[in-house]
PDB file of N, CA and C in Angstrom:
ATOM      1  N   MET A   1      -6.582 -27.049 -11.106  1.00  0.00           N
ATOM      2  CA  MET A   1      -5.290 -25.725 -11.544  1.00  0.00           C
ATOM      3  C   MET A   1      -6.076 -24.825 -12.742  1.00  0.00           C
ATOM      4  N   PRO A   2      -5.419 -23.855 -12.515  1.00  0.00           N
ATOM      5  CA  PRO A   2      -6.189 -23.245 -13.403  1.00  0.00           C
ATOM      6  C   PRO A   2      -5.618 -23.318 -14.758  1.00  0.00           C
ATOM      7  N   SER A   3      -5.946 -23.108 -15.769  1.00  0.00           N
ATOM      8  CA  SER A   3      -5.543 -23.705 -17.247  1.00  0.00           C
ATOM      9  C   SER A   3      -4.654 -22.639 -17.751  1.00  0.00           C
ATOM     10  N   ASP A   4      -3.992 -20.894 -17.150  1.00  0.00           N
ATOM     11  CA  ASP A   4      -3.247 -20.531 -17.505  1.00  0.00           C
ATOM     12  C   ASP A   4      -2.117 -20.813 -16.548  1.00  0.00           C
ATOM     13  N   PRO A   5      -0.588 -20.568 -16.853  1.00  0.00           N
ATOM     14  CA  PRO A   5       0.374 -20.785 -16.009  1.00  0.00           C
ATOM     15  C   PRO A   5       0.506 -19.355 -15.132  1.00  0.00           C
ATOM     16  N   ILE A   6       0.860 -19.554 -13.690  1.00  0.00           N
ATOM     17  CA  ILE A   6       0.882 -18.746 -12.948  1.00  0.00           C
ATOM     18  C   ILE A   6       2.185 -17.972 -13.171  1.00  0.00           C
ATOM     19  N   ASP A   7       2.392 -16.623 -13.632  1.00  0.00           N
ATOM     20  CA  ASP A   7       3.741 -15.971 -13.659  1.00  0.00           C
ATOM     21  C   ASP A   7       4.029 -15.240 -12.194  1.00  0.00           C
ATOM     22  N   ILE A   8       4.952 -16.388 -11.355  1.00  0.00           N
ATOM     23  CA  ILE A   8       5.151 -16.845  -9.796  1.00  0.00           C
ATOM     24  C   ILE A   8       6.091 -15.360  -9.604  1.00  0.00           C
ATOM     25  N   LYS A   9       7.181 -14.785 -10.834  1.00  0.00           N
ATOM     26  CA  LYS A   9       8.032 -13.761 -10.403  1.00  0.00           C
ATOM     27  C   LYS A   9       7.354 -13.037 -10.443  1.00  0.00           C
ATOM     28  N   TYR A  10       6.335 -12.304 -11.466  1.00  0.00           N
ATOM     29  CA  TYR A  10       5.612 -11.488 -11.696  1.00  0.00           C
ATOM     30  C   TYR A  10       4.775 -11.101 -10.389  1.00  0.00           C
ATOM     31  N   VAL A  11       4.262 -12.030  -9.861  1.00  0.00           N
ATOM     32  CA  VAL A  11       3.314 -12.030  -8.771  1.00  0.00           C
ATOM     33  C   VAL A  11       4.620 -11.379  -7.361  1.00  0.00           C
ATOM     34  N   ALA A  12       5.271 -12.230  -7.083  1.00  0.00           N
ATOM     35  CA  ALA A  12       6.576 -11.810  -6.500  1.00  0.00           C
ATOM     36  C   ALA A  12       7.096 -10.589  -6.482  1.00  0.00           C
ATOM     37  N   HIS A  13       7.146  -9.959  -7.434  1.00  0.00           N
ATOM     38  CA  HIS A  13       7.763  -8.271  -7.785  1.00  0.00           C
ATOM     39  C   HIS A  13       6.439  -7.590  -7.049  1.00  0.00           C
ATOM     40  N   LEU A  14       4.647  -7.959  -7.485  1.00  0.00           N
ATOM     41  CA  LEU A  14       4.069  -7.147  -7.081  1.00  0.00           C
ATOM     42  C   LEU A  14       3.972  -7.174  -5.800  1.00  0.00           C
ATOM     43  N   ALA A  15       4.506  -8.021  -4.996  1.00  0.00           N
ATOM     44  CA  ALA A  15       3.990  -8.285  -3.410  1.00  0.00           C
ATOM     45  C   ALA A  15       5.794  -7.839  -2.999  1.00  0.00           C
ATOM     46  N   ARG A  16       6.581  -7.439  -3.805  1.00  0.00           N
ATOM     47  CA  ARG A  16       7.577  -7.030  -3.107  1.00  0.00           C
ATOM     48  C   ARG A  16       8.614  -8.086  -2.322  1.00  0.00           C
ATOM     49  N   LEU A  17       8.704  -9.416  -2.863  1.00  0.00           N
ATOM     50  CA  LEU A  17       9.279 -10.392  -2.534  1.00  0.00           C
ATOM     51  C   LEU A  17      10.608 -10.716  -3.267  1.00  0.00           C
ATOM     52  N   SER A  18      11.285 -11.275  -2.800  1.00  0.00           N
ATOM     53  CA  SER A  18      12.555 -11.900  -2.986  1.00  0.00           C
ATOM     54  C   SER A  18      12.623 -13.388  -2.757  1.00  0.00           C
ATOM     55  N   LEU A  19      12.318 -14.242  -3.727  1.00  0.00           N
ATOM     56  CA  LEU A  19      12.134 -15.647  -3.617  1.00  0.00           C
ATOM     57  C   LEU A  19      13.232 -16.467  -4.281  1.00  0.00           C
ATOM     58  N   THR A  20      13.737 -17.668  -3.132  1.00  0.00           N
ATOM     59  CA  THR A  20      14.737 -18.374  -3.967  1.00  0.00           C
ATOM     60  C   THR A  20      13.678 -19.726  -5.175  1.00  0.00           C
ATOM     61  N   PRO A  21      14.586 -19.812  -5.730  1.00  0.00           N
ATOM     62  CA  PRO A  21      13.865 -20.829  -6.811  1.00  0.00           C
ATOM     63  C   PRO A  21      12.831 -22.148  -6.193  1.00  0.00           C
ATOM     64  N   GLU A  22      13.475 -22.360  -4.769  1.00  0.00           N
ATOM     65  CA  GLU A  22      12.789 -23.664  -4.198  1.00  0.00           C
ATOM     66  C   GLU A  22      11.687 -22.611  -3.605  1.00  0.00           C
ATOM     67  N   GLU A  23      11.450 -21.791  -3.320  1.00  0.00           N
ATOM     68  CA  GLU A  23      10.113 -20.866  -2.526  1.00  0.00           C
ATOM     69  C   GLU A  23       9.341 -20.625  -3.826  1.00  0.00           C
ATOM     70  N   GLU A  24      10.021 -20.275  -5.097  1.00  0.00           N
ATOM     71  CA  GLU A  24       8.911 -19.987  -6.391  1.00  0.00           C
ATOM     72  C   GLU A  24       8.394 -21.250  -6.573  1.00  0.00           C
ATOM     73  N   GLN A  25       8.768 -22.205  -6.715  1.00  0.00           N
ATOM     74  CA  GLN A  25       7.970 -23.790  -6.782  1.00  0.00           C
ATOM     75  C   GLN A  25       7.175 -23.933  -5.840  1.00  0.00           C
ATOM     76  N   LYS A  26       7.565 -23.567  -4.483  1.00  0.00           N
ATOM     77  CA  LYS A  26       6.178 -23.818  -3.385  1.00  0.00           C
ATOM     78  C   LYS A  26       4.991 -23.087  -3.408  1.00  0.00           C
ATOM     79  N   LEU A  27       5.483 -21.527  -3.856  1.00  0.00           N
ATOM     80  CA  LEU A  27       4.489 -20.690  -3.750  1.00  0.00           C
ATOM     81  C   LEU A  27       3.507 -20.822  -5.448  1.00  0.00           C
ATOM     82  N   ALA A  28       4.119 -21.539  -6.286  1.00  0.00           N
ATOM     83  CA  ALA A  28       3.510 -21.678  -7.568  1.00  0.00           C
ATOM     84  C   ALA A  28       2.711 -22.783  -7.239  1.00  0.00           C
ATOM     85  N   ALA A  29       2.954 -23.840  -6.629  1.00  0.00           N
ATOM     86  CA  ALA A  29       1.993 -24.605  -6.362  1.00  0.00           C
ATOM     87  C   ALA A  29       0.934 -24.291  -5.375  1.00  0.00           C
ATOM     88  N   GLN A  30       1.291 -23.695  -3.958  1.00  0.00           N
ATOM     89  CA  GLN A  30       0.548 -23.115  -3.355  1.00  0.00           C
ATOM     90  C   GLN A  30      -0.679 -22.211  -4.047  1.00  0.00           C
ATOM     91  N   LEU A  31      -0.175 -21.320  -4.658  1.00  0.00           N
ATOM     92  CA  LEU A  31      -1.191 -20.291  -5.532  1.00  0.00           C
ATOM     93  C   LEU A  31      -2.205 -21.058  -6.475  1.00  0.00           C
ATOM     94  N   GLY A  32      -1.637 -22.233  -7.033  1.00  0.00           N
ATOM     95  CA  GLY A  32      -2.081 -22.689  -8.286  1.00  0.00           C
ATOM     96  C   GLY A  32      -3.241 -23.537  -7.089  1.00  0.00           C
ATOM     97  N   GLY A  33      -3.201 -23.837  -5.966  1.00  0.00           N
ATOM     98  CA  GLY A  33      -4.212 -25.023  -5.299  1.00  0.00           C
ATOM     99  C   GLY A  33      -5.391 -24.249  -4.788  1.00  0.00           C
ATOM    100  N   VAL A  34      -4.776 -22.747  -4.270  1.00  0.00           N
ATOM    101  CA  VAL A  34      -5.703 -21.759  -3.905  1.00  0.00           C
ATOM    102  C   VAL A  34      -6.968 -21.602  -5.613  1.00  0.00           C
ATOM    103  N   LEU A  35      -5.959 -21.205  -6.448  1.00  0.00           N
ATOM    104  CA  LEU A  35      -6.869 -20.645  -7.769  1.00  0.00           C
ATOM    105  C   LEU A  35      -7.974 -21.974  -7.960  1.00  0.00           C
ATOM    106  N   GLY A  36      -6.976 -23.163  -8.055  1.00  0.00           N
ATOM    107  CA  GLY A  36      -8.573 -24.209  -8.400  1.00  0.00           C
ATOM    108  C   GLY A  36      -9.274 -24.105  -7.296  1.00  0.00           C
ATOM    109  N   TYR A  37      -9.187 -24.438  -6.154  1.00  0.00           N
ATOM    110  CA  TYR A  37     -10.509 -24.374  -5.118  1.00  0.00           C
ATOM    111  C   TYR A  37     -11.302 -23.156  -5.310  1.00  0.00           C
ATOM    112  N   ILE A  38     -10.764 -22.081  -5.967  1.00  0.00           N
ATOM    113  CA  ILE A  38     -11.696 -20.709  -6.678  1.00  0.00           C
ATOM    114  C   ILE A  38     -12.299 -21.369  -7.782  1.00  0.00           C
ATOM    115  N   GLU A  39     -11.821 -21.875  -8.382  1.00  0.00           N
ATOM    116  CA  GLU A  39     -12.487 -22.196  -9.762  1.00  0.00           C
ATOM    117  C   GLU A  39     -13.660 -23.470  -9.414  1.00  0.00           C
ATOM    118  N   LYS A  40     -13.214 -24.183  -8.304  1.00  0.00           N
ATOM    119  CA  LYS A  40     -14.520 -25.118  -7.735  1.00  0.00           C
ATOM    120  C   LYS A  40     -15.833 -24.624  -7.300  1.00  0.00           C
ATOM    121  N   LEU A  41     -15.426 -23.274  -6.310  1.00  0.00           N
ATOM    122  CA  LEU A  41     -16.312 -22.590  -5.979  1.00  0.00           C
ATOM    123  C   LEU A  41     -17.473 -22.001  -6.972  1.00  0.00           C
ATOM    124  N   LYS A  42     -16.497 -21.721  -8.235  1.00  0.00           N
ATOM    125  CA  LYS A  42     -17.730 -20.759  -9.123  1.00  0.00           C
ATOM    126  C   LYS A  42     -18.650 -21.940  -9.635  1.00  0.00           C
ATOM    127  N   GLU A  43     -18.664 -23.027  -9.336  1.00  0.00           N
ATOM    128  CA  GLU A  43     -19.539 -24.485 -10.010  1.00  0.00           C
ATOM    129  C   GLU A  43     -20.721 -24.116  -9.073  1.00  0.00           C
ATOM    130  N   VAL A  44     -20.716 -23.612  -7.925  1.00  0.00           N
ATOM    131  CA  VAL A  44     -21.899 -23.958  -6.911  1.00  0.00           C
ATOM    132  C   VAL A  44     -22.867 -23.285  -7.297  1.00  0.00           C
ATOM    133  N   ASP A  45     -23.993 -23.616  -7.077  1.00  0.00           N
ATOM    134  CA  ASP A  45     -25.401 -22.920  -7.558  1.00  0.00           C
ATOM    135  C   ASP A  45     -25.735 -22.189  -6.108  1.00  0.00           C
ATOM    136  N   VAL A  46     -25.906 -20.619  -6.824  1.00  0.00           N
ATOM    137  CA  VAL A  46     -25.895 -19.785  -5.443  1.00  0.00           C
ATOM    138  C   VAL A  46     -27.038 -18.924  -5.710  1.00  0.00           C
ATOM    139  N   SER A  47     -27.313 -18.991  -6.965  1.00  0.00           N
ATOM    140  CA  SER A  47     -29.249 -18.547  -7.633  1.00  0.00           C
ATOM    141  C   SER A  47     -30.388 -18.258  -6.516  1.00  0.00           C
ATOM    142  N   GLY A  48     -30.155 -19.228  -5.529  1.00  0.00           N
ATOM    143  CA  GLY A  48     -31.310 -19.229  -4.383  1.00  0.00           C
ATOM    144  C   GLY A  48     -30.765 -17.868  -3.198  1.00  0.00           C
ATOM    145  N   VAL A  49     -29.261 -17.929  -3.390  1.00  0.00           N
ATOM    146  CA  VAL A  49     -28.601 -17.107  -1.930  1.00  0.00           C
ATOM    147  C   VAL A  49     -28.436 -15.951  -2.055  1.00  0.00           C
ATOM    148  N   GLU A  50     -28.905 -15.220  -1.055  1.00  0.00           N
ATOM    149  CA  GLU A  50     -29.191 -13.428  -1.503  1.00  0.00           C
ATOM    150  C   GLU A  50     -27.644 -13.333  -0.787  1.00  0.00           C
ATOM    151  N   PRO A  51     -27.288 -12.078  -1.814  1.00  0.00           N
ATOM    152  CA  PRO A  51     -25.912 -11.876  -1.230  1.00  0.00           C
ATOM    153  C   PRO A  51     -25.908 -10.978   0.056  1.00  0.00           C
ATOM    154  N   THR A  52     -24.810 -10.914   1.003  1.00  0.00           N
ATOM    155  CA  THR A  52     -25.007 -10.490   2.408  1.00  0.00           C
ATOM    156  C   THR A  52     -23.147  -9.935   2.467  1.00  0.00           C
ATOM    157  N   ALA A  53     -22.990  -9.175   3.443  1.00  0.00           N
ATOM    158  CA  ALA A  53     -21.638  -8.870   3.204  1.00  0.00           C
ATOM    159  C   ALA A  53     -20.974  -9.381   4.903  1.00  0.00           C
ATOM    160  N   HIS A  54     -22.266  -9.634   5.770  1.00  0.00           N
ATOM    161  CA  HIS A  54     -21.825 -10.663   6.858  1.00  0.00           C
ATOM    162  C   HIS A  54     -22.415 -11.950   7.188  1.00  0.00           C
ATOM    163  N   ALA A  55     -22.066 -12.677   8.074  1.00  0.00           N
ATOM    164  CA  ALA A  55     -22.656 -14.077   7.949  1.00  0.00           C
ATOM    165  C   ALA A  55     -24.202 -13.540   8.794  1.00  0.00           C
ATOM    166  N   PHE A  56     -23.945 -12.953   9.399  1.00  0.00           N
ATOM    167  CA  PHE A  56     -25.248 -12.537  10.106  1.00  0.00           C
ATOM    168  C   PHE A  56     -25.598 -10.977  10.783  1.00  0.00           C
ATOM    169  N   PRO A  57     -26.489 -10.632  10.795  1.00  0.00           N
ATOM    170  CA  PRO A  57     -26.424  -8.788  10.771  1.00  0.00           C
ATOM    171  C   PRO A  57     -26.014  -8.083  12.151  1.00  0.00           C
ATOM    172  N   LEU A  58     -25.336  -7.112  11.468  1.00  0.00           N
ATOM    173  CA  LEU A  58     -24.688  -6.246  12.419  1.00  0.00           C
ATOM    174  C   LEU A  58     -25.444  -5.472  12.625  1.00  0.00           C
ATOM    175  N   VAL A  59     -25.549  -5.029  14.198  1.00  0.00           N
ATOM    176  CA  VAL A  59     -25.705  -3.588  14.813  1.00  0.00           C
ATOM    177  C   VAL A  59     -25.038  -3.117  15.474  1.00  0.00           C
ATOM    178  N   ASN A  60     -24.966  -1.321  15.273  1.00  0.00           N
ATOM    179  CA  ASN A  60     -24.216  -0.655  15.950  1.00  0.00           C
ATOM    180  C   ASN A  60     -24.932  -0.318  17.048  1.00  0.00           C
ATOM    181  N   VAL A  61     -24.761  -0.355  18.394  1.00  0.00           N
ATOM    182  CA  VAL A  61     -25.339  -0.042  19.474  1.00  0.00           C
ATOM    183  C   VAL A  61     -24.511   1.060  19.908  1.00  0.00           C
ATOM    184  N   THR A  62     -25.780   2.482  19.686  1.00  0.00           N
ATOM    185  CA  THR A  62     -25.474   4.112  20.038  1.00  0.00           C
ATOM    186  C   THR A  62     -26.158   4.103  21.090  1.00  0.00           C
ATOM    187  N   ARG A  63     -26.073   5.379  21.576  1.00  0.00           N
ATOM    188  CA  ARG A  63     -27.078   6.090  22.486  1.00  0.00           C
ATOM    189  C   ARG A  63     -27.858   7.096  21.862  1.00  0.00           C
ATOM    190  N   ALA A  64     -28.880   7.746  22.356  1.00  0.00           N
ATOM    191  CA  ALA A  64     -29.797   8.760  21.905  1.00  0.00           C
ATOM    192  C   ALA A  64     -28.873   9.817  21.821  1.00  0.00           C
ATOM    193  N   ASP A  65     -29.128  10.289  20.661  1.00  0.00           N
ATOM    194  CA  ASP A  65     -28.648  11.986  20.042  1.00  0.00           C
ATOM    195  C   ASP A  65     -29.449  12.980  20.869  1.00  0.00           C
ATOM    196  N   GLU A  66     -29.322  13.349  21.963  1.00  0.00           N
ATOM    197  CA  GLU A  66     -30.017  14.579  22.662  1.00  0.00           C
ATOM    198  C   GLU A  66     -29.355  14.824  23.799  1.00  0.00           C
ATOM    199  N   VAL A  67     -29.861  16.220  23.994  1.00  0.00           N
ATOM    200  CA  VAL A  67     -28.948  17.563  24.541  1.00  0.00           C
ATOM    201  C   VAL A  67     -29.415  16.930  25.827  1.00  0.00           C
ATOM    202  N   ARG A  68     -28.201  17.126  26.811  1.00  0.00           N
ATOM    203  CA  ARG A  68     -27.841  16.379  28.056  1.00  0.00           C
ATOM    204  C   ARG A  68     -27.046  17.485  28.752  1.00  0.00           C
ATOM    205  N   PRO A  69     -27.379  18.013  30.074  1.00  0.00           N
ATOM    206  CA  PRO A  69     -26.180  18.404  30.893  1.00  0.00           C
ATOM    207  C   PRO A  69     -24.867  18.670  30.611  1.00  0.00           C
ATOM    208  N   SER A  70     -23.554  19.197  30.584  1.00  0.00           N
ATOM    209  CA  SER A  70     -22.746  18.977  30.125  1.00  0.00           C
ATOM    210  C   SER A  70     -21.433  19.822  31.013  1.00  0.00           C
ATOM    211  N   MET A  71     -20.260  19.410  31.325  1.00  0.00           N
ATOM    212  CA  MET A  71     -19.589  19.879  32.525  1.00  0.00           C
ATOM    213  C   MET A  71     -19.366  21.640  32.173  1.00  0.00           C
ATOM    214  N   PRO A  72     -19.532  22.601  32.665  1.00  0.00           N
ATOM    215  CA  PRO A  72     -19.389  23.864  32.822  1.00  0.00           C
ATOM    216  C   PRO A  72     -18.035  24.570  32.061  1.00  0.00           C
ATOM    217  N   HIS A  73     -18.028  25.276  30.989  1.00  0.00           N
ATOM    218  CA  HIS A  73     -16.633  25.906  30.571  1.00  0.00           C
ATOM    219  C   HIS A  73     -15.772  26.076  31.227  1.00  0.00           C
ATOM    220  N   GLU A  74     -15.708  26.441  32.409  1.00  0.00           N
ATOM    221  CA  GLU A  74     -14.789  26.917  33.220  1.00  0.00           C
ATOM    222  C   GLU A  74     -14.070  25.495  34.286  1.00  0.00           C
ATOM    223  N   GLU A  75     -14.666  24.697  34.335  1.00  0.00           N
ATOM    224  CA  GLU A  75     -14.130  23.658  34.750  1.00  0.00           C
ATOM    225  C   GLU A  75     -13.658  22.657  33.775  1.00  0.00           C
ATOM    226  N   ALA A  76     -14.068  22.865  32.807  1.00  0.00           N
ATOM    227  CA  ALA A  76     -12.972  22.230  31.581  1.00  0.00           C
ATOM    228  C   ALA A  76     -11.832  22.376  31.622  1.00  0.00           C
ATOM    229  N   LEU A  77     -11.905  23.846  31.588  1.00  0.00           N
ATOM    230  CA  LEU A  77     -10.400  24.722  31.298  1.00  0.00           C
ATOM    231  C   LEU A  77      -9.369  24.460  32.604  1.00  0.00           C
ATOM    232  N   ARG A  78     -10.265  24.455  34.065  1.00  0.00           N
ATOM    233  CA  ARG A  78      -9.549  24.674  34.973  1.00  0.00           C
ATOM    234  C   ARG A  78      -8.249  23.602  35.043  1.00  0.00           C
ATOM    235  N   ASN A  79      -7.891  22.652  34.554  1.00  0.00           N
ATOM    236  CA  ASN A  79      -6.589  21.818  34.698  1.00  0.00           C
ATOM    237  C   ASN A  79      -6.183  21.812  33.246  1.00  0.00           C
ATOM    238  N   ALA A  80      -6.443  22.658  32.330  1.00  0.00           N
ATOM    239  CA  ALA A  80      -5.872  23.112  31.240  1.00  0.00           C
ATOM    240  C   ALA A  80      -3.836  23.437  31.201  1.00  0.00           C
ATOM    241  N   PRO A  81      -3.586  23.064  31.056  1.00  0.00           N
ATOM    242  CA  PRO A  81      -1.959  23.467  31.216  1.00  0.00           C
ATOM    243  C   PRO A  81      -1.661  25.249  30.510  1.00  0.00           C
ATOM    244  N   ALA A  82      -2.233  25.411  29.214  1.00  0.00           N
ATOM    245  CA  ALA A  82      -2.280  26.494  28.720  1.00  0.00           C
ATOM    246  C   ALA A  82      -3.551  26.905  28.321  1.00  0.00           C
ATOM    247  N   GLN A  83      -3.893  28.057  28.189  1.00  0.00           N
ATOM    248  CA  GLN A  83      -5.423  28.504  27.891  1.00  0.00           C
ATOM    249  C   GLN A  83      -5.394  30.073  27.689  1.00  0.00           C
ATOM    250  N   ALA A  84      -6.321  30.678  26.509  1.00  0.00           N
ATOM    251  CA  ALA A  84      -6.292  31.394  26.230  1.00  0.00           C
ATOM    252  C   ALA A  84      -7.595  32.062  25.706  1.00  0.00           C
ATOM    253  N   ASN A  85      -8.160  33.047  26.030  1.00  0.00           N
ATOM    254  CA  ASN A  85      -9.451  33.325  25.797  1.00  0.00           C
ATOM    255  C   ASN A  85     -10.658  32.295  25.869  1.00  0.00           C
ATOM    256  N   GLY A  86     -10.313  31.802  26.546  1.00  0.00           N
ATOM    257  CA  GLY A  86     -11.504  30.402  27.164  1.00  0.00           C
ATOM    258  C   GLY A  86     -11.109  29.345  26.168  1.00  0.00           C
ATOM    259  N   LEU A  87     -10.001  29.181  25.317  1.00  0.00           N
ATOM    260  CA  LEU A  87      -9.945  28.165  24.856  1.00  0.00           C
ATOM    261  C   LEU A  87      -8.469  27.421  25.374  1.00  0.00           C
ATOM    262  N   PHE A  88      -8.449  26.060  24.963  1.00  0.00           N
ATOM    263  CA  PHE A  88      -7.246  25.642  25.018  1.00  0.00           C
ATOM    264  C   PHE A  88      -6.034  25.714  24.307  1.00  0.00           C
ATOM    265  N   ILE A  89      -4.972  26.077  24.501  1.00  0.00           N
ATOM    266  CA  ILE A  89      -3.786  25.992  24.374  1.00  0.00           C
ATOM    267  C   ILE A  89      -3.059  24.874  23.812  1.00  0.00           C
ATOM    268  N   VAL A  90      -2.666  24.257  22.976  1.00  0.00           N
ATOM    269  CA  VAL A  90      -1.986  23.171  22.413  1.00  0.00           C
ATOM    270  C   VAL A  90      -0.997  22.962  21.608  1.00  0.00           C
ATOM    271  N   PRO A  91      -0.168  22.604  21.549  1.00  0.00           N
ATOM    272  CA  PRO A  91       1.301  23.055  20.730  1.00  0.00           C
ATOM    273  C   PRO A  91       0.927  22.773  19.198  1.00  0.00           C
ATOM    274  N   LYS A  92       1.412  23.467  18.520  1.00  0.00           N
ATOM    275  CA  LYS A  92       1.632  23.323  16.912  1.00  0.00           C
ATOM    276  C   LYS A  92       2.228  22.161  16.442  1.00  0.00           C
ATOM    277  N   ILE A  93       1.204  21.147  15.587  1.00  0.00           N
ATOM    278  CA  ILE A  93       2.047  19.896  15.106  1.00  0.00           C
ATOM    279  C   ILE A  93       2.069  19.759  13.663  1.00  0.00           C
ATOM    280  N   VAL A  94       1.496  20.914  12.994  1.00  0.00           N
ATOM    281  CA  VAL A  94       1.643  21.013  11.504  1.00  0.00           C
ATOM    282  C   VAL A  94       2.227  22.350  11.229  1.00  0.00           C
ATOM    283  N   GLU A  95       3.243  22.052  10.393  1.00  0.00           N
ATOM    284  CA  GLU A  95       4.214  22.950   9.864  1.00  0.00           C
ATOM    285  C   GLU A  95       3.480  23.768   8.724  1.00  0.00           C
TER     286      GLU A  95
END
């Protein structure tokens, strides 16, 4: 358990929770257990462990950025519900 008492009413206020007295007691005990476990983890020697963001390396799979033939302009506009001057006309969504 942490040495400082937990102000469970303040924590509940920050989380926008309304707790009954029984729920406050239960949450205080659970939060105390979590904080006690974190204190235990602080005792572990990690001096030889390299910091990581993920347990294993992540690599994005992306295609090569190269110029390729695309759909002709006229074909892209063929099914457009509204068009003008070679552009798509879309409804205004920002006032």
